[in-house]
N, C-alpha and C. Protein backbone atom coordinates (compact mmCIF):
# COMPACT_ATOMS: atom_id res chain seq x y z
N MET A 1 31.24 -0.74 -39.28
CA MET A 1 31.19 -2.14 -38.93
C MET A 1 29.91 -2.40 -38.15
N ASN A 2 29.16 -3.42 -38.57
CA ASN A 2 27.87 -3.73 -37.96
C ASN A 2 28.07 -4.73 -36.83
N PHE A 3 27.59 -4.37 -35.65
CA PHE A 3 27.72 -5.25 -34.49
C PHE A 3 26.42 -6.02 -34.27
N THR A 4 26.42 -7.28 -34.63
CA THR A 4 25.30 -8.16 -34.29
C THR A 4 25.73 -8.95 -33.06
N PRO A 5 24.80 -9.57 -32.32
CA PRO A 5 25.21 -10.29 -31.11
C PRO A 5 26.25 -11.38 -31.35
N LYS A 6 26.13 -12.15 -32.44
CA LYS A 6 27.13 -13.18 -32.73
C LYS A 6 28.45 -12.54 -33.15
N ASN A 7 28.33 -11.49 -33.94
CA ASN A 7 29.51 -10.79 -34.45
C ASN A 7 30.28 -10.12 -33.31
N LYS A 8 29.56 -9.57 -32.33
CA LYS A 8 30.20 -8.91 -31.19
C LYS A 8 31.09 -9.86 -30.41
N VAL A 9 30.57 -11.03 -30.13
CA VAL A 9 31.32 -12.00 -29.33
C VAL A 9 32.56 -12.45 -30.08
N ALA A 10 32.43 -12.70 -31.38
CA ALA A 10 33.58 -13.15 -32.18
C ALA A 10 34.66 -12.07 -32.23
N ILE A 11 34.25 -10.82 -32.38
CA ILE A 11 35.21 -9.72 -32.46
C ILE A 11 35.91 -9.54 -31.11
N LEU A 12 35.15 -9.59 -30.03
CA LEU A 12 35.74 -9.40 -28.70
C LEU A 12 36.72 -10.51 -28.36
N LEU A 13 36.37 -11.75 -28.71
CA LEU A 13 37.29 -12.87 -28.46
C LEU A 13 38.57 -12.72 -29.26
N GLN A 14 38.44 -12.29 -30.51
CA GLN A 14 39.63 -12.11 -31.35
C GLN A 14 40.53 -11.02 -30.78
N LEU A 15 39.93 -9.94 -30.32
CA LEU A 15 40.73 -8.84 -29.75
C LEU A 15 41.42 -9.26 -28.47
N LEU A 16 40.73 -10.07 -27.65
CA LEU A 16 41.35 -10.54 -26.42
C LEU A 16 42.49 -11.50 -26.71
N LYS A 17 42.35 -12.32 -27.76
CA LYS A 17 43.43 -13.24 -28.11
C LYS A 17 44.66 -12.49 -28.59
N ASP A 18 44.45 -11.45 -29.37
CA ASP A 18 45.57 -10.68 -29.92
C ASP A 18 46.26 -9.84 -28.86
N LYS A 19 45.57 -9.52 -27.78
CA LYS A 19 46.11 -8.68 -26.70
C LYS A 19 46.59 -7.33 -27.19
N ILE A 20 45.94 -6.84 -28.23
CA ILE A 20 46.31 -5.53 -28.77
C ILE A 20 45.43 -4.45 -28.17
N TRP A 21 44.19 -4.77 -27.90
CA TRP A 21 43.23 -3.78 -27.44
C TRP A 21 42.83 -4.04 -26.00
N LYS A 22 42.63 -2.98 -25.27
CA LYS A 22 42.09 -3.06 -23.93
C LYS A 22 40.62 -2.67 -24.05
N LEU A 23 39.74 -3.41 -23.43
CA LEU A 23 38.31 -3.17 -23.61
C LEU A 23 37.75 -2.38 -22.44
N ASP A 24 36.91 -1.42 -22.79
CA ASP A 24 36.22 -0.62 -21.79
C ASP A 24 34.74 -0.66 -22.16
N PHE A 25 33.94 -1.43 -21.41
CA PHE A 25 32.54 -1.62 -21.78
C PHE A 25 31.67 -0.54 -21.16
N ARG A 26 30.75 -0.05 -21.97
CA ARG A 26 29.69 0.82 -21.47
C ARG A 26 28.39 0.04 -21.65
N ILE A 27 27.92 -0.58 -20.59
CA ILE A 27 26.76 -1.45 -20.68
C ILE A 27 25.52 -0.67 -20.26
N GLN A 28 24.61 -0.47 -21.22
CA GLN A 28 23.33 0.13 -20.90
C GLN A 28 22.29 -0.98 -20.71
N ASN A 29 22.25 -1.89 -21.64
CA ASN A 29 21.41 -3.07 -21.53
C ASN A 29 22.31 -4.28 -21.76
N ILE A 30 21.90 -5.42 -21.27
CA ILE A 30 22.71 -6.63 -21.47
C ILE A 30 22.76 -6.99 -22.95
N ALA A 31 21.66 -6.74 -23.68
CA ALA A 31 21.62 -7.07 -25.10
C ALA A 31 22.41 -6.06 -25.93
N ASP A 32 22.60 -4.85 -25.39
CA ASP A 32 23.24 -3.79 -26.17
C ASP A 32 24.59 -3.44 -25.54
N ILE A 33 25.63 -4.14 -25.93
CA ILE A 33 26.99 -3.89 -25.43
C ILE A 33 27.72 -3.04 -26.46
N LYS A 34 28.22 -1.91 -26.02
CA LYS A 34 28.97 -1.02 -26.91
C LYS A 34 30.42 -1.00 -26.46
N PRO A 35 31.29 -1.76 -27.11
CA PRO A 35 32.68 -1.74 -26.67
C PRO A 35 33.38 -0.47 -27.13
N LYS A 36 34.09 0.14 -26.23
CA LYS A 36 34.94 1.28 -26.55
C LYS A 36 36.36 0.75 -26.61
N LEU A 37 36.96 0.81 -27.77
CA LEU A 37 38.28 0.21 -27.97
C LEU A 37 39.35 1.27 -27.79
N ILE A 38 40.30 0.99 -26.92
CA ILE A 38 41.42 1.88 -26.66
C ILE A 38 42.69 1.10 -26.91
N GLN A 39 43.56 1.63 -27.77
CA GLN A 39 44.80 0.92 -28.06
C GLN A 39 45.75 1.07 -26.88
N THR A 40 46.36 -0.03 -26.48
CA THR A 40 47.28 0.00 -25.35
C THR A 40 48.60 0.62 -25.77
N ASN A 41 49.28 1.25 -24.84
CA ASN A 41 50.56 1.88 -25.14
C ASN A 41 51.64 0.83 -25.27
N LYS A 42 52.56 1.10 -26.18
CA LYS A 42 53.72 0.21 -26.33
C LYS A 42 54.73 0.55 -25.24
N VAL A 43 55.66 -0.34 -25.04
CA VAL A 43 56.70 -0.11 -24.05
C VAL A 43 57.61 1.01 -24.55
N LYS A 44 57.87 1.97 -23.69
CA LYS A 44 58.71 3.10 -24.08
C LYS A 44 60.14 2.85 -23.62
N ASN A 45 61.08 3.26 -24.45
CA ASN A 45 62.48 3.14 -24.09
C ASN A 45 62.87 4.27 -23.15
N LYS A 46 63.77 3.96 -22.22
CA LYS A 46 64.29 5.01 -21.36
C LYS A 46 65.29 5.85 -22.16
N THR A 47 65.38 7.14 -21.82
CA THR A 47 66.34 7.99 -22.50
C THR A 47 67.73 7.70 -21.95
N ASN A 48 68.68 7.65 -22.85
CA ASN A 48 70.07 7.46 -22.46
C ASN A 48 70.62 8.82 -22.05
N LYS A 49 70.89 8.99 -20.76
CA LYS A 49 71.26 10.29 -20.22
C LYS A 49 72.61 10.78 -20.75
N THR A 50 73.54 9.85 -21.00
CA THR A 50 74.86 10.29 -21.49
C THR A 50 74.74 10.95 -22.85
N ILE A 51 73.90 10.39 -23.71
CA ILE A 51 73.75 10.97 -25.04
C ILE A 51 72.88 12.22 -24.98
N SER A 52 71.86 12.23 -24.14
CA SER A 52 70.99 13.40 -24.07
C SER A 52 71.73 14.63 -23.55
N LYS A 53 72.75 14.42 -22.72
CA LYS A 53 73.53 15.55 -22.22
C LYS A 53 74.56 16.04 -23.23
N ARG A 54 75.03 15.16 -24.09
CA ARG A 54 76.09 15.53 -25.03
C ARG A 54 75.58 16.01 -26.37
N VAL A 55 74.31 15.74 -26.67
CA VAL A 55 73.77 16.01 -28.00
C VAL A 55 72.57 16.95 -27.88
N ARG A 56 72.49 17.92 -28.79
CA ARG A 56 71.35 18.83 -28.84
C ARG A 56 70.72 18.72 -30.23
N THR A 57 69.39 18.90 -30.30
CA THR A 57 68.71 18.86 -31.59
C THR A 57 68.41 20.28 -32.05
N THR A 58 68.45 20.47 -33.35
CA THR A 58 68.12 21.76 -33.94
C THR A 58 66.64 21.79 -34.29
N LYS A 59 66.17 22.92 -34.82
CA LYS A 59 64.77 23.02 -35.23
C LYS A 59 64.45 22.05 -36.36
N ASN A 60 65.43 21.82 -37.23
CA ASN A 60 65.21 20.95 -38.38
C ASN A 60 65.40 19.48 -38.04
N GLY A 61 65.80 19.17 -36.81
CA GLY A 61 65.94 17.78 -36.40
C GLY A 61 67.34 17.23 -36.52
N LYS A 62 68.33 18.08 -36.83
CA LYS A 62 69.71 17.62 -36.88
C LYS A 62 70.24 17.47 -35.46
N LEU A 63 71.17 16.56 -35.29
CA LEU A 63 71.82 16.39 -33.99
C LEU A 63 73.17 17.08 -34.02
N MET A 64 73.42 17.91 -33.02
CA MET A 64 74.68 18.65 -32.95
C MET A 64 75.42 18.25 -31.68
N ARG A 65 76.75 18.19 -31.78
CA ARG A 65 77.60 17.86 -30.65
C ARG A 65 78.72 18.88 -30.59
N MET A 66 79.40 18.93 -29.44
CA MET A 66 80.56 19.81 -29.34
C MET A 66 81.73 19.18 -30.08
N ALA A 67 82.54 20.01 -30.70
CA ALA A 67 83.70 19.50 -31.43
C ALA A 67 84.73 18.95 -30.46
N GLN A 68 85.54 18.04 -30.96
CA GLN A 68 86.51 17.38 -30.10
C GLN A 68 87.73 18.27 -29.82
N SER A 69 88.57 17.81 -28.96
CA SER A 69 89.86 18.41 -28.57
C SER A 69 89.71 19.79 -27.93
N THR A 70 88.76 19.95 -27.02
CA THR A 70 88.65 21.21 -26.28
C THR A 70 88.90 21.02 -24.79
N GLN A 71 89.02 19.80 -24.32
CA GLN A 71 89.11 19.54 -22.89
C GLN A 71 90.52 19.18 -22.41
N HIS A 72 91.24 18.42 -23.21
CA HIS A 72 92.46 17.80 -22.72
C HIS A 72 93.70 18.40 -23.41
N LEU A 73 94.72 18.71 -22.62
CA LEU A 73 95.98 19.28 -23.12
C LEU A 73 95.76 20.55 -23.93
N VAL A 74 95.03 21.48 -23.36
CA VAL A 74 94.65 22.70 -24.05
C VAL A 74 95.83 23.66 -24.19
N SER A 75 96.76 23.62 -23.25
CA SER A 75 97.87 24.58 -23.28
C SER A 75 98.77 24.37 -24.49
N ARG A 76 98.81 23.18 -25.04
CA ARG A 76 99.66 22.90 -26.20
C ARG A 76 99.03 23.32 -27.52
N LYS A 77 97.73 23.59 -27.51
CA LYS A 77 97.03 23.86 -28.77
C LYS A 77 97.04 25.34 -29.08
N SER A 78 97.06 25.64 -30.38
CA SER A 78 97.10 27.04 -30.81
C SER A 78 95.73 27.68 -30.64
N GLN A 79 95.71 29.02 -30.68
CA GLN A 79 94.45 29.74 -30.53
C GLN A 79 93.51 29.43 -31.69
N ARG A 80 94.09 29.28 -32.86
CA ARG A 80 93.27 28.98 -34.04
C ARG A 80 92.60 27.61 -33.89
N GLN A 81 93.36 26.66 -33.39
CA GLN A 81 92.84 25.31 -33.19
C GLN A 81 91.71 25.32 -32.15
N MET A 82 91.90 26.08 -31.08
CA MET A 82 90.89 26.15 -30.04
C MET A 82 89.64 26.89 -30.50
N LYS A 83 89.82 27.92 -31.32
CA LYS A 83 88.68 28.68 -31.82
C LYS A 83 87.81 27.80 -32.72
N ASN A 84 88.45 27.03 -33.58
CA ASN A 84 87.70 26.14 -34.46
C ASN A 84 87.07 24.98 -33.69
N ALA A 85 87.73 24.56 -32.63
CA ALA A 85 87.22 23.43 -31.85
C ALA A 85 86.04 23.84 -30.98
N GLY A 86 85.88 25.13 -30.69
CA GLY A 86 84.79 25.58 -29.84
C GLY A 86 83.43 25.53 -30.52
N LYS A 87 83.42 25.34 -31.83
CA LYS A 87 82.16 25.31 -32.57
C LYS A 87 81.49 23.95 -32.44
N THR A 88 80.20 23.93 -32.72
CA THR A 88 79.48 22.66 -32.69
C THR A 88 79.64 21.95 -34.02
N ALA A 89 79.57 20.64 -33.98
CA ALA A 89 79.68 19.83 -35.19
C ALA A 89 78.41 19.01 -35.36
N CYS A 90 78.05 18.74 -36.60
CA CYS A 90 76.85 17.97 -36.89
C CYS A 90 77.18 16.48 -36.88
N ILE A 91 76.29 15.68 -36.32
CA ILE A 91 76.48 14.23 -36.29
C ILE A 91 76.00 13.65 -37.61
N LYS A 92 76.76 12.71 -38.15
CA LYS A 92 76.42 12.13 -39.45
C LYS A 92 75.16 11.28 -39.36
N LYS A 93 74.52 11.05 -40.52
CA LYS A 93 73.20 10.41 -40.58
C LYS A 93 73.17 9.02 -39.96
N GLY A 94 74.21 8.22 -40.22
CA GLY A 94 74.22 6.85 -39.70
C GLY A 94 74.20 6.79 -38.19
N MET A 95 75.02 7.63 -37.56
CA MET A 95 75.06 7.67 -36.11
C MET A 95 73.83 8.38 -35.55
N ALA A 96 73.30 9.35 -36.29
CA ALA A 96 72.14 10.12 -35.81
C ALA A 96 70.94 9.21 -35.63
N LYS A 97 70.77 8.23 -36.52
CA LYS A 97 69.64 7.30 -36.40
C LYS A 97 69.72 6.52 -35.10
N LYS A 98 70.93 6.07 -34.74
CA LYS A 98 71.11 5.32 -33.50
C LYS A 98 70.87 6.21 -32.29
N TYR A 99 71.36 7.45 -32.35
CA TYR A 99 71.22 8.37 -31.23
C TYR A 99 69.78 8.78 -31.01
N ILE A 100 69.01 8.94 -32.08
CA ILE A 100 67.60 9.35 -31.95
C ILE A 100 66.82 8.29 -31.20
N LYS A 101 67.12 7.02 -31.43
CA LYS A 101 66.45 5.93 -30.70
C LYS A 101 66.77 5.99 -29.22
N LEU A 102 68.00 6.38 -28.88
CA LEU A 102 68.41 6.44 -27.49
C LEU A 102 67.89 7.68 -26.77
N VAL A 103 67.71 8.76 -27.51
CA VAL A 103 67.24 10.00 -26.91
C VAL A 103 65.73 9.99 -26.97
């Protein structure tokens, strides 16, 4: 992109109107302005601590959670039921998309 004096002013005004770029000027001469354009950071979401504590990610990016029915009324459950419940379960794709945004 060729920066001529008229072109420079028009480009800088457009960028300031859009509020997308933050300008950092390196002025050597008044006639020779070299704008260094740095893209501003978008607003970051806070991590949802309840989900981050309950969900772990695998190397492949799957979300895993602990299986249900391991905490409450354990004395009534059989050993087989408890052994199967101790394993981790994979979160389905629809819910995983929502959880990834929160984590």
